[in-house]
């Protein structure tokens, strides 16, 4: 009797332990997903910059992540950047030739800034990359004083140990439950 569930729990625990070791300050609520599946990225922002409030958060969508749609936030304006794809794909009967590559939330006024002492979440959803492996959300956090560019990616593998400002890791794992072709 073999179940993929204990394997997924063990892999999730290892992923969480790796991210804790790097002490990343932007993290995902769910750091693991199945290849090609629907995924809701909840990016957690735990502090500002140099003790000051955050007013802008930009997220570079990982390569292979399809159809990214951000969740609006009251008091923040959304900016969405699209780019042409090297290879188009079909979605809901339409051919997709360009896709979202970056999403930016910008506070409309100082009253909506995220104080350094507070925590918040920024959410987007889409389809996870079809290929298993590490997928990186690069996050740029701009504050009243300074910024964090959470963009450091390891040269190989998925360990962020030793990186000063690691990008946010999404561990894309194989989906062994699909036994038929779509």
Foldseek 3Di string as FASTA:
>chain_A
DDDCVVVVVVVQVVVVVLCVLQVAQWEFPRQEDAAFAKDKTKIKHQFAPPQFWWFKKKKFFWPQWFDKDWDDDPQWDKDWDKDADPDWDDDPRDIGGIGTGMMMIGGNDPVPTGGRNDMDIIIIITTHHNDFFKTFIFMWTDGPPDIAGLDDADPDHHRCNPPNRHTYIRGHDHDPVDPDDD
